[in-house]
Structure formats: structure tokens, C-alpha cells
């Protein structure tokens, strides 16, 4: 039986590189993957958006998230992967951890953003660092 593999993605160059690494190493991965994109709800709220426009912003964020998942899915599908796509809203650290643990994934593959710096990671923590320490499955960090 193939292991359940979760791959959280975003619209960063790091996520694109992670997908490229998976494609390069495709013989070592299960053919079935789950891609997860989390719309960071805090970023939506942080912007000074009037209440009457908030629904429109959320709809556009969902559309963009779906388009991003579709893009990564197309790249992976082209080389023989099948993907389940999950689009969620919330705090990426909490959502990724919750999904990985509740759905009993056996491997989580995530990229670490470059340029954050050790001090920034200690003070604020990176998503990858949080996930690494809070999921019950092994983590492959690119």
C-alpha cells in the first residue's frame, strides 16, 4: 500500500522548487499525493478592508488558491502523479498540522522559505518549523 503523502504549498518560489524536487525524485514517491493550500485568514483580516468588500476578497482568495492547486496538480499529473486537492482557510501552521494528524498522513513534504533567518524563526517561527515539531508523521524538508 502506498503511503499517504501531504504536500502543503503556497505561491512562493520555495513551493515551486519543492514540486520540482518531487518531480525529479518521482521514482521515490507514491503516485498518489495530496496537495494542500491554506489561505492565511490573518493576512486577509490584516489588510484594512471594509466589511462590505471582505466577501469579495475571500472569494478571490479562494479562486487564486484553487488556480494555484490546479497549476501544481497539472505539473505533477504530467509526470504520472494523481493528486487530491485540499483548499482550506485559517492559520497555515494550525491547519497543516491538524490535517496531517487527523487524516493520518504517513509523510509530509514541505519547503522551507529562504531568507527568514534564524533570529526570525526563533521569534516568530516558520510554518515549516512549526509543522516539523507538531505533526506525528515524518517530515521531508526541502
N, C-alpha and C. Protein backbone atom coordinates (compact mmCIF):
# COMPACT_ATOMS: atom_id res chain seq x y z
N UNK A 1 0.84 -1.18 0.00
CA UNK A 1 0.00 0.00 0.00
C UNK A 1 0.88 1.24 0.00
N UNK A 2 0.53 2.20 -0.83
CA UNK A 2 1.29 3.44 -0.92
C UNK A 2 1.08 4.31 0.32
N UNK A 3 2.14 4.95 0.77
CA UNK A 3 1.98 5.85 1.93
C UNK A 3 1.18 7.09 1.55
N UNK A 4 0.43 7.60 2.51
CA UNK A 4 -0.31 8.85 2.32
C UNK A 4 0.69 10.00 2.49
N UNK A 5 0.81 10.83 1.44
CA UNK A 5 1.78 11.93 1.45
C UNK A 5 1.05 13.26 1.30
N UNK A 6 1.31 14.17 2.24
CA UNK A 6 0.73 15.50 2.23
C UNK A 6 1.79 16.51 1.83
N UNK A 7 1.43 17.39 0.89
CA UNK A 7 2.36 18.43 0.43
C UNK A 7 1.66 19.78 0.54
N UNK A 8 1.95 20.53 1.61
CA UNK A 8 1.42 21.88 1.70
C UNK A 8 2.16 22.79 0.73
N UNK A 9 1.43 23.62 0.01
CA UNK A 9 2.03 24.53 -0.96
C UNK A 9 1.49 25.94 -0.77
N UNK A 10 2.22 26.89 -1.32
CA UNK A 10 1.76 28.26 -1.41
C UNK A 10 2.24 28.81 -2.73
N UNK A 11 2.20 30.13 -2.90
CA UNK A 11 2.60 30.71 -4.19
C UNK A 11 4.05 31.20 -4.19
N UNK A 12 4.89 30.61 -3.37
CA UNK A 12 6.28 31.04 -3.24
C UNK A 12 7.20 30.26 -4.18
N UNK A 13 8.37 30.83 -4.47
CA UNK A 13 9.38 30.07 -5.23
C UNK A 13 9.78 28.78 -4.51
N UNK A 14 9.76 28.79 -3.19
CA UNK A 14 10.11 27.60 -2.42
C UNK A 14 9.14 26.46 -2.70
N UNK A 15 7.86 26.75 -2.74
CA UNK A 15 6.87 25.71 -3.03
C UNK A 15 7.07 25.17 -4.45
N UNK A 16 7.35 26.05 -5.39
CA UNK A 16 7.59 25.61 -6.76
C UNK A 16 8.82 24.70 -6.81
N UNK A 17 9.87 25.06 -6.07
CA UNK A 17 11.07 24.22 -6.03
C UNK A 17 10.77 22.86 -5.39
N UNK A 18 9.91 22.86 -4.38
CA UNK A 18 9.53 21.60 -3.74
C UNK A 18 8.84 20.69 -4.74
N UNK A 19 7.92 21.23 -5.52
CA UNK A 19 7.23 20.45 -6.55
C UNK A 19 8.24 19.94 -7.58
N UNK A 20 9.19 20.80 -7.96
CA UNK A 20 10.22 20.38 -8.92
C UNK A 20 11.08 19.25 -8.36
N UNK A 21 11.42 19.31 -7.07
CA UNK A 21 12.20 18.24 -6.44
C UNK A 21 11.41 16.93 -6.44
N UNK A 22 10.13 17.01 -6.15
CA UNK A 22 9.29 15.81 -6.14
C UNK A 22 9.26 15.19 -7.54
N UNK A 23 9.15 16.05 -8.55
CA UNK A 23 9.14 15.56 -9.93
C UNK A 23 10.48 14.89 -10.26
N UNK A 24 11.58 15.53 -9.86
CA UNK A 24 12.90 14.96 -10.12
C UNK A 24 13.08 13.60 -9.42
N UNK A 25 12.52 13.49 -8.22
CA UNK A 25 12.68 12.27 -7.42
C UNK A 25 11.44 11.37 -7.50
N UNK A 26 10.67 11.50 -8.55
CA UNK A 26 9.35 10.84 -8.64
C UNK A 26 9.39 9.33 -8.45
N UNK A 27 10.49 8.71 -8.75
CA UNK A 27 10.57 7.26 -8.58
C UNK A 27 10.57 6.86 -7.11
N UNK A 28 10.84 7.81 -6.23
CA UNK A 28 10.89 7.52 -4.80
C UNK A 28 9.59 7.86 -4.07
N UNK A 29 8.63 8.42 -4.80
CA UNK A 29 7.38 8.84 -4.19
C UNK A 29 6.22 7.97 -4.65
N UNK A 30 5.23 7.91 -3.80
CA UNK A 30 3.96 7.28 -4.14
C UNK A 30 3.35 8.03 -5.32
N UNK A 31 2.59 7.35 -6.14
CA UNK A 31 1.93 8.00 -7.28
C UNK A 31 0.77 8.89 -6.82
N UNK A 32 0.28 8.67 -5.61
CA UNK A 32 -0.86 9.43 -5.10
C UNK A 32 -0.38 10.42 -4.05
N UNK A 33 -0.67 11.69 -4.30
CA UNK A 33 -0.26 12.76 -3.40
C UNK A 33 -1.47 13.60 -3.02
N UNK A 34 -1.36 14.29 -1.90
CA UNK A 34 -2.38 15.25 -1.51
C UNK A 34 -1.72 16.62 -1.41
N UNK A 35 -2.24 17.57 -2.19
CA UNK A 35 -1.75 18.94 -2.15
C UNK A 35 -2.69 19.77 -1.29
N UNK A 36 -2.11 20.58 -0.42
CA UNK A 36 -2.90 21.42 0.49
C UNK A 36 -2.47 22.87 0.35
N UNK A 37 -3.43 23.74 0.14
CA UNK A 37 -3.18 25.18 0.15
C UNK A 37 -4.07 25.79 1.22
N UNK A 38 -3.46 26.59 2.09
CA UNK A 38 -4.21 27.24 3.16
C UNK A 38 -4.19 28.74 2.93
N UNK A 39 -5.37 29.31 2.80
CA UNK A 39 -5.49 30.76 2.69
C UNK A 39 -5.33 31.32 4.09
N UNK A 40 -4.30 32.13 4.26
CA UNK A 40 -3.99 32.69 5.57
C UNK A 40 -5.03 33.75 5.92
N UNK A 41 -5.95 33.37 6.78
CA UNK A 41 -7.06 34.25 7.16
C UNK A 41 -6.56 35.52 7.87
N UNK A 42 -5.46 35.40 8.61
CA UNK A 42 -4.91 36.56 9.30
C UNK A 42 -4.45 37.63 8.31
N UNK A 43 -3.90 37.20 7.18
CA UNK A 43 -3.46 38.17 6.19
C UNK A 43 -4.65 38.88 5.55
N UNK A 44 -5.76 38.18 5.40
CA UNK A 44 -6.95 38.82 4.85
C UNK A 44 -7.49 39.86 5.83
N UNK A 45 -7.49 39.52 7.11
CA UNK A 45 -8.02 40.42 8.13
C UNK A 45 -7.07 41.60 8.38
N UNK A 46 -5.79 41.36 8.19
CA UNK A 46 -4.80 42.39 8.48
C UNK A 46 -4.94 43.59 7.56
N UNK A 47 -5.26 43.32 6.33
CA UNK A 47 -5.43 44.42 5.39
C UNK A 47 -6.64 45.23 5.80
N UNK A 48 -6.56 46.49 5.61
CA UNK A 48 -7.64 47.40 6.01
C UNK A 48 -8.77 47.34 4.98
N UNK A 49 -9.49 46.23 4.99
CA UNK A 49 -10.54 46.00 4.02
C UNK A 49 -11.89 46.32 4.67
N UNK A 50 -12.67 47.16 4.02
CA UNK A 50 -14.01 47.43 4.56
C UNK A 50 -14.84 46.14 4.58
N UNK A 51 -15.71 46.02 5.57
CA UNK A 51 -16.53 44.82 5.73
C UNK A 51 -17.31 44.45 4.48
N UNK A 52 -17.82 45.45 3.77
CA UNK A 52 -18.64 45.15 2.60
C UNK A 52 -17.81 44.54 1.46
N UNK A 53 -16.49 44.65 1.50
CA UNK A 53 -15.65 44.07 0.46
C UNK A 53 -14.99 42.75 0.89
N UNK A 54 -15.14 42.39 2.14
CA UNK A 54 -14.47 41.21 2.66
C UNK A 54 -14.90 39.92 1.94
N UNK A 55 -16.18 39.77 1.64
CA UNK A 55 -16.65 38.58 0.93
C UNK A 55 -16.02 38.47 -0.45
N UNK A 56 -15.91 39.61 -1.14
CA UNK A 56 -15.30 39.62 -2.46
C UNK A 56 -13.82 39.21 -2.37
N UNK A 57 -13.13 39.72 -1.37
CA UNK A 57 -11.72 39.39 -1.17
C UNK A 57 -11.57 37.89 -0.88
N UNK A 58 -12.43 37.35 -0.04
CA UNK A 58 -12.39 35.92 0.28
C UNK A 58 -12.65 35.06 -0.95
N UNK A 59 -13.64 35.45 -1.77
CA UNK A 59 -13.94 34.71 -2.99
C UNK A 59 -12.75 34.72 -3.94
N UNK A 60 -12.12 35.89 -4.08
CA UNK A 60 -10.94 35.99 -4.95
C UNK A 60 -9.77 35.18 -4.41
N UNK A 61 -9.61 35.16 -3.10
CA UNK A 61 -8.54 34.35 -2.49
C UNK A 61 -8.80 32.87 -2.74
N UNK A 62 -10.05 32.43 -2.65
CA UNK A 62 -10.40 31.03 -2.91
C UNK A 62 -10.12 30.69 -4.38
N UNK A 63 -10.48 31.61 -5.28
CA UNK A 63 -10.22 31.39 -6.71
C UNK A 63 -8.72 31.26 -6.98
N UNK A 64 -7.95 32.16 -6.38
CA UNK A 64 -6.50 32.13 -6.56
C UNK A 64 -5.90 30.85 -5.99
N UNK A 65 -6.38 30.44 -4.82
CA UNK A 65 -5.90 29.21 -4.20
C UNK A 65 -6.21 28.00 -5.06
N UNK A 66 -7.41 27.94 -5.60
CA UNK A 66 -7.80 26.84 -6.49
C UNK A 66 -6.93 26.82 -7.74
N UNK A 67 -6.67 28.01 -8.31
CA UNK A 67 -5.83 28.10 -9.51
C UNK A 67 -4.41 27.62 -9.22
N UNK A 68 -3.90 27.95 -8.05
CA UNK A 68 -2.55 27.53 -7.67
C UNK A 68 -2.49 26.01 -7.51
N UNK A 69 -3.47 25.44 -6.83
CA UNK A 69 -3.53 23.98 -6.68
C UNK A 69 -3.64 23.30 -8.05
N UNK A 70 -4.44 23.87 -8.93
CA UNK A 70 -4.59 23.30 -10.27
C UNK A 70 -3.27 23.35 -11.04
N UNK A 71 -2.52 24.43 -10.86
CA UNK A 71 -1.22 24.57 -11.54
C UNK A 71 -0.25 23.48 -11.09
N UNK A 72 -0.12 23.31 -9.77
CA UNK A 72 0.77 22.27 -9.25
C UNK A 72 0.29 20.88 -9.64
N UNK A 73 -1.02 20.68 -9.60
CA UNK A 73 -1.59 19.40 -9.99
C UNK A 73 -1.25 19.07 -11.44
N UNK A 74 -1.35 20.06 -12.32
CA UNK A 74 -1.04 19.85 -13.74
C UNK A 74 0.42 19.44 -13.91
N UNK A 75 1.33 20.09 -13.19
CA UNK A 75 2.75 19.75 -13.28
C UNK A 75 2.99 18.30 -12.83
N UNK A 76 2.36 17.92 -11.74
CA UNK A 76 2.55 16.57 -11.20
C UNK A 76 1.85 15.52 -12.06
N UNK A 77 0.66 15.85 -12.54
CA UNK A 77 -0.11 14.92 -13.38
C UNK A 77 0.65 14.59 -14.66
N UNK A 78 1.33 15.59 -15.20
CA UNK A 78 2.09 15.42 -16.44
C UNK A 78 3.15 14.32 -16.35
N UNK A 79 3.66 14.08 -15.14
CA UNK A 79 4.70 13.05 -14.96
C UNK A 79 4.15 11.80 -14.26
N UNK A 80 2.83 11.68 -14.16
CA UNK A 80 2.24 10.43 -13.69
C UNK A 80 1.65 10.40 -12.30
N UNK A 81 1.63 11.54 -11.60
CA UNK A 81 1.04 11.57 -10.27
C UNK A 81 -0.46 11.82 -10.36
N UNK A 82 -1.19 11.29 -9.39
CA UNK A 82 -2.58 11.69 -9.19
C UNK A 82 -2.62 12.44 -7.87
N UNK A 83 -3.44 13.46 -7.81
CA UNK A 83 -3.45 14.33 -6.63
C UNK A 83 -4.86 14.58 -6.13
N UNK A 84 -4.97 14.55 -4.82
CA UNK A 84 -6.17 15.06 -4.16
C UNK A 84 -5.82 16.50 -3.80
N UNK A 85 -6.76 17.42 -4.01
CA UNK A 85 -6.52 18.83 -3.73
C UNK A 85 -7.37 19.26 -2.55
N UNK A 86 -6.73 19.93 -1.59
CA UNK A 86 -7.44 20.44 -0.42
C UNK A 86 -7.19 21.93 -0.33
N UNK A 87 -8.26 22.70 -0.24
CA UNK A 87 -8.18 24.16 -0.09
C UNK A 87 -8.86 24.53 1.22
N UNK A 88 -8.10 25.15 2.13
CA UNK A 88 -8.61 25.50 3.45
C UNK A 88 -8.33 26.97 3.74
N UNK A 89 -9.01 27.49 4.75
CA UNK A 89 -8.80 28.86 5.22
C UNK A 89 -8.48 28.80 6.70
N UNK A 90 -7.50 29.60 7.12
CA UNK A 90 -7.13 29.66 8.53
C UNK A 90 -5.66 29.96 8.71
N UNK A 91 -5.14 29.59 9.84
CA UNK A 91 -3.72 29.75 10.14
C UNK A 91 -2.99 28.55 9.53
N UNK A 92 -2.09 28.78 8.56
CA UNK A 92 -1.44 27.64 7.90
C UNK A 92 -0.76 26.68 8.87
N UNK A 93 -0.13 27.18 9.91
CA UNK A 93 0.54 26.30 10.87
C UNK A 93 -0.45 25.33 11.51
N UNK A 94 -1.57 25.86 11.95
CA UNK A 94 -2.57 25.02 12.62
C UNK A 94 -3.28 24.08 11.66
N UNK A 95 -3.64 24.59 10.49
CA UNK A 95 -4.41 23.78 9.53
C UNK A 95 -3.55 22.63 9.00
N UNK A 96 -2.30 22.92 8.62
CA UNK A 96 -1.44 21.86 8.10
C UNK A 96 -1.26 20.77 9.14
N UNK A 97 -0.96 21.18 10.37
CA UNK A 97 -0.75 20.22 11.46
C UNK A 97 -2.01 19.40 11.71
N UNK A 98 -3.14 20.07 11.76
CA UNK A 98 -4.41 19.39 12.04
C UNK A 98 -4.73 18.35 10.96
N UNK A 99 -4.58 18.73 9.69
CA UNK A 99 -4.90 17.81 8.60
C UNK A 99 -3.92 16.64 8.59
N UNK A 100 -2.64 16.93 8.77
CA UNK A 100 -1.63 15.86 8.76
C UNK A 100 -1.92 14.83 9.85
N UNK A 101 -2.27 15.31 11.02
CA UNK A 101 -2.50 14.40 12.15
C UNK A 101 -3.86 13.71 12.09
N UNK A 102 -4.92 14.44 11.78
CA UNK A 102 -6.26 13.85 11.79
C UNK A 102 -6.47 12.86 10.65
N UNK A 103 -5.87 13.15 9.50
CA UNK A 103 -6.06 12.26 8.35
C UNK A 103 -4.95 11.21 8.27
N UNK A 104 -4.12 11.17 9.29
CA UNK A 104 -3.09 10.14 9.46
C UNK A 104 -2.19 9.98 8.23
N UNK A 105 -1.64 11.10 7.79
CA UNK A 105 -0.66 11.05 6.71
C UNK A 105 0.60 10.37 7.23
N UNK A 106 1.29 9.69 6.34
CA UNK A 106 2.49 8.96 6.73
C UNK A 106 3.78 9.71 6.39
N UNK A 107 3.64 10.78 5.59
CA UNK A 107 4.78 11.64 5.25
C UNK A 107 4.26 13.01 4.88
N UNK A 108 4.96 14.04 5.33
CA UNK A 108 4.63 15.41 4.96
C UNK A 108 5.87 15.99 4.28
N UNK A 109 5.68 16.55 3.10
CA UNK A 109 6.78 17.14 2.34
C UNK A 109 6.53 18.63 2.25
N UNK A 110 7.49 19.42 2.74
CA UNK A 110 7.31 20.87 2.78
C UNK A 110 8.63 21.56 2.49
N UNK A 111 8.53 22.72 1.86
CA UNK A 111 9.71 23.54 1.60
C UNK A 111 9.86 24.58 2.69
N UNK A 112 11.11 24.95 2.94
CA UNK A 112 11.40 25.97 3.95
C UNK A 112 11.79 27.23 3.21
N UNK A 113 11.09 28.31 3.51
CA UNK A 113 11.36 29.59 2.85
C UNK A 113 12.77 30.06 3.15
N UNK A 114 13.45 30.50 2.12
CA UNK A 114 14.80 31.02 2.29
C UNK A 114 14.73 32.47 2.75
N UNK A 115 15.76 32.89 3.43
CA UNK A 115 15.87 34.29 3.80
C UNK A 115 15.16 34.69 5.08
N UNK A 116 14.54 33.74 5.77
CA UNK A 116 13.87 34.07 7.02
C UNK A 116 14.87 34.38 8.12
N UNK A 117 15.92 33.61 8.18
CA UNK A 117 16.94 33.82 9.18
C UNK A 117 16.61 33.14 10.49
N UNK A 118 17.65 32.75 11.20
CA UNK A 118 17.47 32.02 12.45
C UNK A 118 16.78 32.87 13.51
N UNK A 119 17.14 34.14 13.60
CA UNK A 119 16.53 35.01 14.62
C UNK A 119 15.04 35.14 14.37
N UNK A 120 14.66 35.37 13.11
CA UNK A 120 13.25 35.50 12.78
C UNK A 120 12.50 34.21 13.14
N UNK A 121 13.11 33.06 12.81
CA UNK A 121 12.47 31.78 13.11
C UNK A 121 12.31 31.56 14.61
N UNK A 122 13.28 31.99 15.40
CA UNK A 122 13.19 31.84 16.85
C UNK A 122 12.07 32.71 17.41
N UNK A 123 12.00 33.96 16.93
CA UNK A 123 10.99 34.89 17.46
C UNK A 123 9.59 34.56 16.96
N UNK A 124 9.45 34.39 15.65
CA UNK A 124 8.13 34.18 15.07
C UNK A 124 7.86 32.73 14.69
N UNK A 125 8.90 31.99 14.39
CA UNK A 125 8.75 30.61 13.95
C UNK A 125 8.30 30.56 12.50
N UNK A 126 8.82 29.63 11.76
CA UNK A 126 8.38 29.45 10.39
C UNK A 126 7.28 28.39 10.37
N UNK A 127 6.51 28.40 9.29
CA UNK A 127 5.46 27.38 9.15
C UNK A 127 6.11 26.00 9.13
N UNK A 128 7.19 25.86 8.34
CA UNK A 128 7.86 24.56 8.25
C UNK A 128 8.38 24.11 9.62
N UNK A 129 8.95 25.02 10.37
CA UNK A 129 9.48 24.69 11.70
C UNK A 129 8.35 24.24 12.63
N UNK A 130 7.25 24.96 12.61
CA UNK A 130 6.10 24.60 13.45
C UNK A 130 5.57 23.21 13.06
N UNK A 131 5.41 22.99 11.78
CA UNK A 131 4.89 21.71 11.29
C UNK A 131 5.84 20.58 11.68
N UNK A 132 7.13 20.81 11.49
CA UNK A 132 8.15 19.81 11.81
C UNK A 132 8.02 19.31 13.25
N UNK A 133 7.70 20.22 14.15
CA UNK A 133 7.65 19.87 15.57
C UNK A 133 6.26 19.47 16.08
N UNK A 134 5.25 19.54 15.21
CA UNK A 134 3.89 19.29 15.70
C UNK A 134 3.09 18.25 14.93
N UNK A 135 3.69 17.62 13.95
CA UNK A 135 2.98 16.53 13.27
C UNK A 135 3.50 15.20 13.76
N UNK A 136 2.67 14.19 13.67
CA UNK A 136 3.06 12.88 14.18
C UNK A 136 3.72 12.00 13.12
N UNK A 137 3.80 12.48 11.89
CA UNK A 137 4.42 11.70 10.82
C UNK A 137 5.80 12.27 10.49
N UNK A 138 6.63 11.51 9.78
CA UNK A 138 7.92 12.05 9.35
C UNK A 138 7.72 13.23 8.40
N UNK A 139 8.69 14.14 8.41
CA UNK A 139 8.64 15.33 7.56
C UNK A 139 9.88 15.35 6.67
N UNK A 140 9.66 15.53 5.38
CA UNK A 140 10.74 15.73 4.42
C UNK A 140 10.79 17.21 4.13
N UNK A 141 11.89 17.83 4.49
CA UNK A 141 12.03 19.28 4.39
C UNK A 141 12.95 19.62 3.24
N UNK A 142 12.42 20.35 2.25
CA UNK A 142 13.25 20.80 1.12
C UNK A 142 13.67 22.23 1.36
